[in-house]
Amino acid sequence: HVALVTNDMKKTVAFYREVLGAAVAMGHRLDRPGNERHYFITVAPNTVFAFFEFPDAALPGHKEATLPSTGRALDHICFHVEDDAAFDAWYRRFGEKGVNNLSEIIERGPSRSFFFSDPNNIVFEVATPGMGRRFPVLEDPDPAY
């Protein structure tokens, strides 16, 4: 799982359920003085986002992905779709739902992608694999591997 912070669990759950079609896998309160909500939301097979709700948390503002930035350790999370039809369906759905910070479609050779953010300003990308390209791809001329 990926552990994330929200200051509004109802808004977060609504986004993930209504926009992404995700399901709440677990919802409970932490057994400590703040009794905060702790929800697991299934976003892909065997993958959940575990949100901690801290109502007083000041969340960072939206920052575009892949640009140099300080003040954050997480740039974005990418979901890969199986084909162009799925990609187009997701893009259309996000547009219809009025998703925050929905970018234009970006063409990178055979791959296409777009970015958006959730109500907590967590940035996501949806991407096609592009001509069947799969990992590993080791092309760095000055590798750290």
N, C-alpha and C. Protein backbone atom coordinates (compact mmCIF):
# COMPACT_ATOMS: atom_id res chain seq x y z
N HIS A 1 0.83 -1.18 0.00
CA HIS A 1 0.00 0.00 0.00
C HIS A 1 0.86 1.24 0.00
N VAL A 2 0.24 2.34 -0.36
CA VAL A 2 0.86 3.66 -0.28
C VAL A 2 0.10 4.41 0.79
N ALA A 3 0.79 4.92 1.81
CA ALA A 3 0.15 5.66 2.90
C ALA A 3 0.17 7.15 2.57
N LEU A 4 -1.02 7.76 2.60
CA LEU A 4 -1.19 9.16 2.22
C LEU A 4 -2.01 9.89 3.27
N VAL A 5 -2.02 11.21 3.19
CA VAL A 5 -2.73 12.04 4.16
C VAL A 5 -3.83 12.81 3.45
N THR A 6 -4.98 12.89 4.12
CA THR A 6 -6.07 13.75 3.68
C THR A 6 -6.55 14.56 4.87
N ASN A 7 -7.17 15.69 4.60
CA ASN A 7 -7.81 16.43 5.69
C ASN A 7 -9.33 16.38 5.56
N ASP A 8 -9.81 15.58 4.57
CA ASP A 8 -11.25 15.44 4.35
C ASP A 8 -11.53 14.05 3.76
N MET A 9 -11.78 13.08 4.63
CA MET A 9 -11.97 11.70 4.17
C MET A 9 -13.20 11.54 3.30
N LYS A 10 -14.28 12.25 3.62
CA LYS A 10 -15.50 12.11 2.82
C LYS A 10 -15.25 12.57 1.38
N LYS A 11 -14.57 13.68 1.22
CA LYS A 11 -14.27 14.19 -0.11
C LYS A 11 -13.31 13.24 -0.85
N THR A 12 -12.35 12.71 -0.13
CA THR A 12 -11.38 11.77 -0.71
C THR A 12 -12.07 10.49 -1.16
N VAL A 13 -12.89 9.90 -0.29
CA VAL A 13 -13.60 8.67 -0.65
C VAL A 13 -14.52 8.92 -1.84
N ALA A 14 -15.22 10.03 -1.86
CA ALA A 14 -16.12 10.33 -2.97
C ALA A 14 -15.34 10.39 -4.29
N PHE A 15 -14.19 11.04 -4.29
CA PHE A 15 -13.38 11.12 -5.50
C PHE A 15 -12.97 9.74 -5.98
N TYR A 16 -12.40 8.95 -5.10
CA TYR A 16 -11.90 7.64 -5.51
C TYR A 16 -13.03 6.69 -5.93
N ARG A 17 -14.16 6.77 -5.28
CA ARG A 17 -15.29 5.92 -5.66
C ARG A 17 -15.98 6.42 -6.92
N GLU A 18 -16.31 7.69 -6.98
CA GLU A 18 -17.12 8.22 -8.08
C GLU A 18 -16.33 8.52 -9.34
N VAL A 19 -15.07 8.89 -9.21
CA VAL A 19 -14.28 9.23 -10.38
C VAL A 19 -13.44 8.04 -10.84
N LEU A 20 -12.71 7.42 -9.92
CA LEU A 20 -11.85 6.30 -10.31
C LEU A 20 -12.56 4.95 -10.29
N GLY A 21 -13.73 4.88 -9.68
CA GLY A 21 -14.43 3.61 -9.60
C GLY A 21 -13.81 2.66 -8.59
N ALA A 22 -13.06 3.18 -7.64
CA ALA A 22 -12.38 2.36 -6.63
C ALA A 22 -13.35 1.99 -5.50
N ALA A 23 -12.94 1.04 -4.69
CA ALA A 23 -13.77 0.59 -3.57
C ALA A 23 -13.01 0.77 -2.25
N VAL A 24 -13.76 1.06 -1.21
CA VAL A 24 -13.16 1.12 0.13
C VAL A 24 -12.98 -0.31 0.60
N ALA A 25 -11.75 -0.69 0.89
CA ALA A 25 -11.44 -2.04 1.34
C ALA A 25 -11.47 -2.15 2.87
N MET A 26 -11.20 -1.05 3.54
CA MET A 26 -11.22 -1.04 5.01
C MET A 26 -11.44 0.39 5.46
N GLY A 27 -12.27 0.57 6.46
CA GLY A 27 -12.48 1.88 7.05
C GLY A 27 -12.64 1.73 8.54
N HIS A 28 -11.76 2.35 9.29
CA HIS A 28 -11.85 2.27 10.75
C HIS A 28 -11.25 3.52 11.37
N ARG A 29 -11.32 3.59 12.67
CA ARG A 29 -10.70 4.69 13.42
C ARG A 29 -9.48 4.16 14.14
N LEU A 30 -8.44 4.98 14.21
CA LEU A 30 -7.24 4.59 14.93
C LEU A 30 -7.50 4.57 16.42
N ASP A 31 -6.95 3.59 17.07
CA ASP A 31 -7.14 3.42 18.52
C ASP A 31 -6.10 4.24 19.27
N ARG A 32 -6.32 5.55 19.29
CA ARG A 32 -5.44 6.48 20.00
C ARG A 32 -6.24 7.74 20.27
N PRO A 33 -5.72 8.67 21.03
CA PRO A 33 -6.51 9.83 21.45
C PRO A 33 -7.19 10.62 20.33
N GLY A 34 -6.58 10.79 19.17
CA GLY A 34 -7.20 11.56 18.09
C GLY A 34 -8.32 10.80 17.38
N ASN A 35 -8.33 9.48 17.52
CA ASN A 35 -9.36 8.62 16.92
C ASN A 35 -9.57 8.93 15.43
N GLU A 36 -8.44 9.17 14.72
CA GLU A 36 -8.51 9.56 13.31
C GLU A 36 -9.02 8.41 12.43
N ARG A 37 -9.65 8.79 11.31
CA ARG A 37 -10.06 7.81 10.32
C ARG A 37 -8.82 7.28 9.60
N HIS A 38 -8.86 5.98 9.24
CA HIS A 38 -7.81 5.32 8.49
C HIS A 38 -8.51 4.39 7.51
N TYR A 39 -8.50 4.76 6.22
CA TYR A 39 -9.23 4.02 5.19
C TYR A 39 -8.26 3.48 4.15
N PHE A 40 -8.52 2.25 3.72
CA PHE A 40 -7.79 1.65 2.62
C PHE A 40 -8.71 1.65 1.40
N ILE A 41 -8.23 2.19 0.28
CA ILE A 41 -9.02 2.27 -0.94
C ILE A 41 -8.28 1.48 -2.02
N THR A 42 -8.97 0.49 -2.58
CA THR A 42 -8.37 -0.36 -3.62
C THR A 42 -8.32 0.41 -4.93
N VAL A 43 -7.12 0.60 -5.48
CA VAL A 43 -6.97 1.36 -6.72
C VAL A 43 -6.52 0.50 -7.89
N ALA A 44 -6.06 -0.71 -7.62
CA ALA A 44 -5.63 -1.65 -8.66
C ALA A 44 -5.54 -3.02 -7.98
N PRO A 45 -5.45 -4.09 -8.74
CA PRO A 45 -5.33 -5.40 -8.09
C PRO A 45 -4.16 -5.43 -7.12
N ASN A 46 -4.44 -5.85 -5.91
CA ASN A 46 -3.42 -5.96 -4.86
C ASN A 46 -2.75 -4.64 -4.51
N THR A 47 -3.40 -3.52 -4.78
CA THR A 47 -2.81 -2.21 -4.49
C THR A 47 -3.86 -1.32 -3.84
N VAL A 48 -3.53 -0.80 -2.66
CA VAL A 48 -4.44 0.11 -1.97
C VAL A 48 -3.70 1.37 -1.56
N PHE A 49 -4.46 2.46 -1.48
CA PHE A 49 -3.98 3.68 -0.86
C PHE A 49 -4.56 3.70 0.54
N ALA A 50 -3.70 3.86 1.52
CA ALA A 50 -4.13 3.92 2.92
C ALA A 50 -4.12 5.40 3.33
N PHE A 51 -5.30 5.98 3.43
CA PHE A 51 -5.41 7.39 3.80
C PHE A 51 -5.59 7.55 5.30
N PHE A 52 -4.81 8.45 5.88
CA PHE A 52 -4.99 8.88 7.26
C PHE A 52 -5.67 10.24 7.20
N GLU A 53 -6.74 10.41 7.93
CA GLU A 53 -7.42 11.70 7.94
C GLU A 53 -6.95 12.51 9.14
N PHE A 54 -6.30 13.62 8.85
CA PHE A 54 -5.89 14.59 9.86
C PHE A 54 -6.58 15.90 9.49
N PRO A 55 -7.76 16.18 10.08
CA PRO A 55 -8.57 17.33 9.68
C PRO A 55 -7.85 18.68 9.71
N ASP A 56 -6.85 18.83 10.57
CA ASP A 56 -6.14 20.10 10.66
C ASP A 56 -4.90 20.16 9.77
N ALA A 57 -4.65 19.12 8.98
CA ALA A 57 -3.46 19.09 8.14
C ALA A 57 -3.55 20.15 7.05
N ALA A 58 -2.49 20.92 6.89
CA ALA A 58 -2.38 21.87 5.79
C ALA A 58 -1.70 21.13 4.65
N LEU A 59 -2.48 20.79 3.63
CA LEU A 59 -1.93 20.03 2.51
C LEU A 59 -1.25 20.97 1.52
N PRO A 60 -0.21 20.49 0.84
CA PRO A 60 0.47 21.35 -0.13
C PRO A 60 -0.45 21.67 -1.30
N GLY A 61 -0.20 22.80 -1.93
CA GLY A 61 -0.96 23.17 -3.12
C GLY A 61 -0.56 22.30 -4.30
N HIS A 62 -1.31 22.39 -5.36
CA HIS A 62 -1.02 21.62 -6.57
C HIS A 62 0.30 22.05 -7.19
N LYS A 63 1.11 21.06 -7.57
CA LYS A 63 2.33 21.31 -8.33
C LYS A 63 2.31 20.38 -9.52
N GLU A 64 2.66 20.90 -10.68
CA GLU A 64 2.69 20.06 -11.87
C GLU A 64 3.77 18.99 -11.72
N ALA A 65 3.49 17.84 -12.30
CA ALA A 65 4.41 16.71 -12.21
C ALA A 65 5.61 16.89 -13.14
N THR A 66 6.66 16.20 -12.82
CA THR A 66 7.91 16.06 -13.58
C THR A 66 8.71 17.35 -13.72
N LEU A 67 8.39 18.37 -12.94
CA LEU A 67 9.15 19.61 -12.96
C LEU A 67 9.96 19.70 -11.67
N PRO A 68 11.16 20.29 -11.72
CA PRO A 68 11.96 20.42 -10.50
C PRO A 68 11.15 21.13 -9.41
N SER A 69 11.22 20.58 -8.21
CA SER A 69 10.42 21.14 -7.12
C SER A 69 11.02 20.75 -5.79
N THR A 70 10.87 21.62 -4.82
CA THR A 70 11.21 21.27 -3.45
C THR A 70 9.91 21.26 -2.65
N GLY A 71 9.98 20.72 -1.47
CA GLY A 71 8.82 20.71 -0.61
C GLY A 71 7.90 19.51 -0.81
N ARG A 72 8.36 18.54 -1.57
CA ARG A 72 7.59 17.31 -1.71
C ARG A 72 8.55 16.17 -2.04
N ALA A 73 8.21 14.98 -1.58
CA ALA A 73 9.00 13.80 -1.89
C ALA A 73 8.31 12.95 -2.96
N LEU A 74 7.00 13.09 -3.09
CA LEU A 74 6.22 12.34 -4.07
C LEU A 74 5.92 13.26 -5.25
N ASP A 75 6.36 12.89 -6.44
CA ASP A 75 6.07 13.70 -7.62
C ASP A 75 4.70 13.33 -8.18
N HIS A 76 4.50 12.08 -8.54
CA HIS A 76 3.20 11.62 -9.04
C HIS A 76 3.14 10.10 -9.01
N ILE A 77 1.95 9.58 -9.16
CA ILE A 77 1.70 8.14 -9.22
C ILE A 77 1.09 7.88 -10.59
N CYS A 78 1.60 6.85 -11.28
CA CYS A 78 1.13 6.56 -12.63
C CYS A 78 0.35 5.26 -12.68
N PHE A 79 -0.79 5.31 -13.37
CA PHE A 79 -1.57 4.12 -13.70
C PHE A 79 -1.37 3.84 -15.19
N HIS A 80 -0.95 2.63 -15.51
CA HIS A 80 -0.81 2.25 -16.91
C HIS A 80 -2.08 1.55 -17.35
N VAL A 81 -2.59 1.92 -18.51
CA VAL A 81 -3.78 1.29 -19.07
C VAL A 81 -3.35 0.35 -20.20
N GLU A 82 -4.23 -0.61 -20.51
CA GLU A 82 -3.85 -1.66 -21.45
C GLU A 82 -3.83 -1.24 -22.92
N ASP A 83 -4.63 -0.23 -23.28
CA ASP A 83 -4.68 0.15 -24.69
C ASP A 83 -5.25 1.56 -24.85
N ASP A 84 -5.26 2.02 -26.11
CA ASP A 84 -5.74 3.37 -26.40
C ASP A 84 -7.22 3.56 -26.08
N ALA A 85 -8.02 2.50 -26.28
CA ALA A 85 -9.46 2.62 -26.00
C ALA A 85 -9.68 2.89 -24.51
N ALA A 86 -8.98 2.17 -23.64
CA ALA A 86 -9.10 2.39 -22.20
C ALA A 86 -8.60 3.78 -21.83
N PHE A 87 -7.50 4.19 -22.43
CA PHE A 87 -6.94 5.52 -22.19
C PHE A 87 -7.96 6.60 -22.53
N ASP A 88 -8.56 6.50 -23.73
CA ASP A 88 -9.54 7.49 -24.17
C ASP A 88 -10.76 7.51 -23.25
N ALA A 89 -11.19 6.33 -22.80
CA ALA A 89 -12.35 6.24 -21.90
C ALA A 89 -12.06 6.94 -20.58
N TRP A 90 -10.87 6.72 -20.02
CA TRP A 90 -10.52 7.38 -18.76
C TRP A 90 -10.46 8.89 -18.94
N TYR A 91 -9.84 9.35 -20.02
CA TYR A 91 -9.72 10.79 -20.24
C TYR A 91 -11.09 11.43 -20.38
N ARG A 92 -11.94 10.80 -21.14
CA ARG A 92 -13.31 11.32 -21.32
C ARG A 92 -14.04 11.36 -19.98
N ARG A 93 -13.93 10.29 -19.19
CA ARG A 93 -14.60 10.22 -17.89
C ARG A 93 -14.12 11.34 -16.97
N PHE A 94 -12.81 11.56 -16.91
CA PHE A 94 -12.27 12.59 -16.03
C PHE A 94 -12.75 13.98 -16.47
N GLY A 95 -12.83 14.19 -17.78
CA GLY A 95 -13.35 15.46 -18.27
C GLY A 95 -14.80 15.67 -17.87
N GLU A 96 -15.61 14.62 -18.00
CA GLU A 96 -17.03 14.69 -17.64
C GLU A 96 -17.22 14.93 -16.15
N LYS A 97 -16.32 14.39 -15.33
CA LYS A 97 -16.41 14.54 -13.88
C LYS A 97 -15.81 15.85 -13.38
N GLY A 98 -15.16 16.61 -14.25
CA GLY A 98 -14.56 17.87 -13.84
C GLY A 98 -13.37 17.69 -12.91
N VAL A 99 -12.57 16.69 -13.17
CA VAL A 99 -11.43 16.37 -12.31
C VAL A 99 -10.44 17.55 -12.26
N ASN A 100 -9.88 17.79 -11.07
CA ASN A 100 -8.94 18.89 -10.85
C ASN A 100 -7.68 18.73 -11.68
N ASN A 101 -7.23 19.83 -12.24
CA ASN A 101 -5.93 19.93 -12.91
C ASN A 101 -5.74 18.89 -14.01
N LEU A 102 -6.79 18.60 -14.75
CA LEU A 102 -6.70 17.64 -15.85
C LEU A 102 -5.91 18.29 -16.98
N SER A 103 -4.79 17.65 -17.34
CA SER A 103 -3.93 18.20 -18.39
C SER A 103 -4.46 17.83 -19.77
N GLU A 104 -3.87 18.43 -20.76
CA GLU A 104 -4.09 17.99 -22.14
C GLU A 104 -3.42 16.63 -22.29
N ILE A 105 -3.75 15.91 -23.34
CA ILE A 105 -3.08 14.63 -23.63
C ILE A 105 -1.69 14.95 -24.16
N ILE A 106 -0.70 14.25 -23.63
CA ILE A 106 0.70 14.44 -23.99
C ILE A 106 1.13 13.26 -24.84
N GLU A 107 1.65 13.54 -26.03
CA GLU A 107 2.14 12.49 -26.94
C GLU A 107 3.66 12.42 -26.80
N ARG A 108 4.16 11.22 -26.47
CA ARG A 108 5.61 11.00 -26.37
C ARG A 108 5.94 9.80 -27.25
N GLY A 109 6.22 10.07 -28.51
CA GLY A 109 6.46 8.96 -29.43
C GLY A 109 5.23 8.08 -29.48
N PRO A 110 5.40 6.79 -29.22
CA PRO A 110 4.24 5.89 -29.27
C PRO A 110 3.37 5.92 -28.01
N SER A 111 3.80 6.60 -26.98
CA SER A 111 3.06 6.64 -25.71
C SER A 111 2.22 7.90 -25.61
N ARG A 112 1.12 7.79 -24.88
CA ARG A 112 0.28 8.94 -24.57
C ARG A 112 0.05 8.95 -23.07
N SER A 113 -0.08 10.15 -22.51
CA SER A 113 -0.37 10.25 -21.08
C SER A 113 -1.10 11.55 -20.80
N PHE A 114 -1.66 11.62 -19.60
CA PHE A 114 -2.24 12.86 -19.09
C PHE A 114 -2.11 12.83 -17.58
N PHE A 115 -2.19 14.02 -16.98
CA PHE A 115 -2.06 14.18 -15.54
C PHE A 115 -3.33 14.78 -14.96
N PHE A 116 -3.55 14.54 -13.67
CA PHE A 116 -4.67 15.11 -12.92
C PHE A 116 -4.32 15.03 -11.45
N SER A 117 -5.14 15.67 -10.61
CA SER A 117 -4.90 15.56 -9.17
C SER A 117 -6.20 15.20 -8.46
N ASP A 118 -6.02 14.60 -7.28
CA ASP A 118 -7.17 14.27 -6.44
C ASP A 118 -7.47 15.46 -5.54
N PRO A 119 -8.46 15.37 -4.65
CA PRO A 119 -8.79 16.52 -3.79
C PRO A 119 -7.68 16.91 -2.81
N ASN A 120 -6.68 16.05 -2.63
CA ASN A 120 -5.57 16.34 -1.72
C ASN A 120 -4.34 16.87 -2.46
N ASN A 121 -4.51 17.19 -3.75
CA ASN A 121 -3.43 17.65 -4.62
C ASN A 121 -2.35 16.61 -4.87
N ILE A 122 -2.71 15.32 -4.72
CA ILE A 122 -1.81 14.24 -5.11
C ILE A 122 -1.94 14.12 -6.63
N VAL A 123 -0.81 14.18 -7.32
CA VAL A 123 -0.81 14.18 -8.78
C VAL A 123 -0.70 12.75 -9.31
N PHE A 124 -1.51 12.47 -10.33
CA PHE A 124 -1.53 11.17 -10.97
C PHE A 124 -1.31 11.33 -12.47
N GLU A 125 -0.83 10.27 -13.07
CA GLU A 125 -0.69 10.19 -14.51
C GLU A 125 -1.39 8.92 -14.97
N VAL A 126 -2.03 8.97 -16.12
CA VAL A 126 -2.54 7.78 -16.80
C VAL A 126 -1.75 7.69 -18.09
N ALA A 127 -1.20 6.50 -18.39
CA ALA A 127 -0.33 6.36 -19.55
C ALA A 127 -0.59 5.06 -20.29
N THR A 128 -0.36 5.12 -21.60
CA THR A 128 -0.37 3.91 -22.41
C THR A 128 1.05 3.38 -22.46
N PRO A 129 1.23 2.07 -22.66
CA PRO A 129 2.59 1.53 -22.69
C PRO A 129 3.38 1.93 -23.92
N GLY A 130 2.76 2.18 -25.04
CA GLY A 130 3.47 2.63 -26.23
C GLY A 130 4.25 1.55 -26.94
N MET A 131 3.70 1.03 -28.01
CA MET A 131 4.31 0.01 -28.86
C MET A 131 4.80 -1.20 -28.08
N GLY A 132 4.12 -1.56 -27.01
CA GLY A 132 4.48 -2.76 -26.27
C GLY A 132 5.75 -2.65 -25.45
N ARG A 133 6.27 -1.44 -25.28
CA ARG A 133 7.51 -1.26 -24.52
C ARG A 133 7.27 -1.67 -23.08
N ARG A 134 8.13 -2.49 -22.56
CA ARG A 134 8.01 -3.00 -21.20
C ARG A 134 9.34 -2.82 -20.47
N PHE A 135 9.30 -2.89 -19.17
CA PHE A 135 10.51 -2.78 -18.35
C PHE A 135 11.26 -4.10 -18.35
N PRO A 136 12.58 -4.13 -18.21
CA PRO A 136 13.44 -2.96 -17.98
C PRO A 136 13.83 -2.25 -19.27
N VAL A 137 14.07 -0.96 -19.14
CA VAL A 137 14.61 -0.13 -20.21
C VAL A 137 15.81 0.57 -19.60
N LEU A 138 17.00 0.15 -19.96
CA LEU A 138 18.23 0.67 -19.36
C LEU A 138 19.01 1.42 -20.43
N GLU A 139 18.78 2.75 -20.49
CA GLU A 139 19.36 3.56 -21.56
C GLU A 139 20.18 4.74 -21.05
N ASP A 140 20.41 4.86 -19.75
CA ASP A 140 21.13 6.00 -19.21
C ASP A 140 22.61 5.93 -19.63
N PRO A 141 23.15 6.98 -20.29
CA PRO A 141 24.55 6.95 -20.69
C PRO A 141 25.51 7.08 -19.50
N ASP A 142 25.04 7.53 -18.37
CA ASP A 142 25.86 7.62 -17.15
C ASP A 142 25.08 6.95 -16.03
N PRO A 143 24.96 5.62 -16.06
CA PRO A 143 24.03 4.91 -15.18
C PRO A 143 24.41 4.92 -13.71
N ALA A 144 23.37 4.85 -12.88
CA ALA A 144 23.54 4.67 -11.45
C ALA A 144 23.18 3.24 -11.06
N TYR A 145 22.97 2.40 -12.03
CA TYR A 145 22.62 1.00 -11.79
C TYR A 145 23.79 0.09 -12.05
